[in-house]
Amino acid sequence: MNFIKSLSIGLFAMTAILSISSCTEEPPVGLFVETLDPLLDTCYLETAAIPEPKNTLVYDITGVRCSNCPKAAEQAKTILDANNGRVSVIALYADIPGLGALTEAWDGFPVLNSVDAQQIIASLGNPGSLPTGCVDQIEVDNNRMVPFTKWSSEVSKRLTLTTPVNLEITATYDASSKSIRVNTKSSFTESRDSGSMDIFVGLTENDIASKQSENRVSSGHVDDYKHEHVLRRLLTGSSGSAVGCKMVPGTVVEKQFSIIKDDAWKVPALHALVWVVNKTTKEVIHVKEVSVK
C-alpha cells in the first residue's frame, strides 16, 4: 500500500512538471478556473465497511439581483435545520445566459459569481428563471431544475435511499503557507461498473455580507445581507475526478487536494465538501461536509 501511494505521488510530480511547461488559456479577470490535480490519488482494498446513511446535496441557484431568492435561501436553512447534518447546500452564483438582470454583481460589493458555478449550472440545463435549484442533480418532472417550494419533499425522498459508498473528509488550513489541504476517502460497500463514478470536491463560504435584492423590504435591497454556502472553488473542476479503479465491496479511493487560499476568503466560514456522482445519470450518490480548520 505504501508503494502504491508513493508511486501515485511520484506520478503527480511528473505531471506537475509537464503542466508547467504547457500553455494554458487565460481565464476571465477575477475568475480562477484552473483544475487542481490531486496530490494523492490511490485505490486499495480493505475489509468492506458497514454502509452508512445516504446524505443529500441541494444546489441553490441564485443571484444577488433576484429579489425572490432570499426566500429560497430561507427554505434551504429550514431543510438543513430539520435534517441533522444529512443535507448539504451549495449556493451557485453565476453569470447565466438570459438572466444577467438577476445575477450581475453590484458595483462596490463582493463578487460571488464564479466560473465553477457557471459550469455546474450549464451541465444541468438552463434554469430559465430564479430562484431554482437541484436536489442530488436528479430529474423531477423531467427537469433537473426544481422549484425551491419542492426541495423539502424531494430531499425527504432522497434521504430514504441507500448509498454504495461511505465518505470521509478532512480540511485543514496552514496560515504560514496560506494553503488549504483537503483529504477525502471513499469506501465502497457495493460493486459498481468501472469508470461509472466521479468524485467532486469543493469549498463553500458562509456569512458573506454583500448587497442583495429583497422584495420584502421597502428599499428593495439589503446592503449587508448574509450570503450562505457560496461556492468558492471546485478543487476537482466541473467534470470531477474519476474513480480509476474497479469498485467492489472494500475498494477504497483516497484523494488529496491543496489550494492557496484567496485573500477574500475567511477561513472560519469555509467548508469543504466531497460528493460522488454517477457519471451516466448525474445523480449524486452521497455527500459529506466539514468545516475548514
Foldseek 3Di string as FASTA:
>chain_A
DVVQFVVQQVVVVVVVVVVVPDDDDDDPPPADFDAADFNTKDKDFDAFDDFDFFAKEKEWEFAQQDQCSVVLVVLVVVLVVVPPQRYDYAYAQADAPPCCNGRPADPPWDHLHYVLSVLLCVVQDHLVDDGWIAMLSADDPNHRTHRSVCNNVVRVVRRVDTFQKDKDKAWEADVVQQKIKMKMKIAGQAWDAAFFKFKKKFKFFWQGFAKHQHPVDPVRIDGGDTDGNRTDDINRGNLGHTNHDGGHRRMMIMTMTMDRDDPVGDQQGMKMKMWMAGNPRRGTRHMHMDGYD
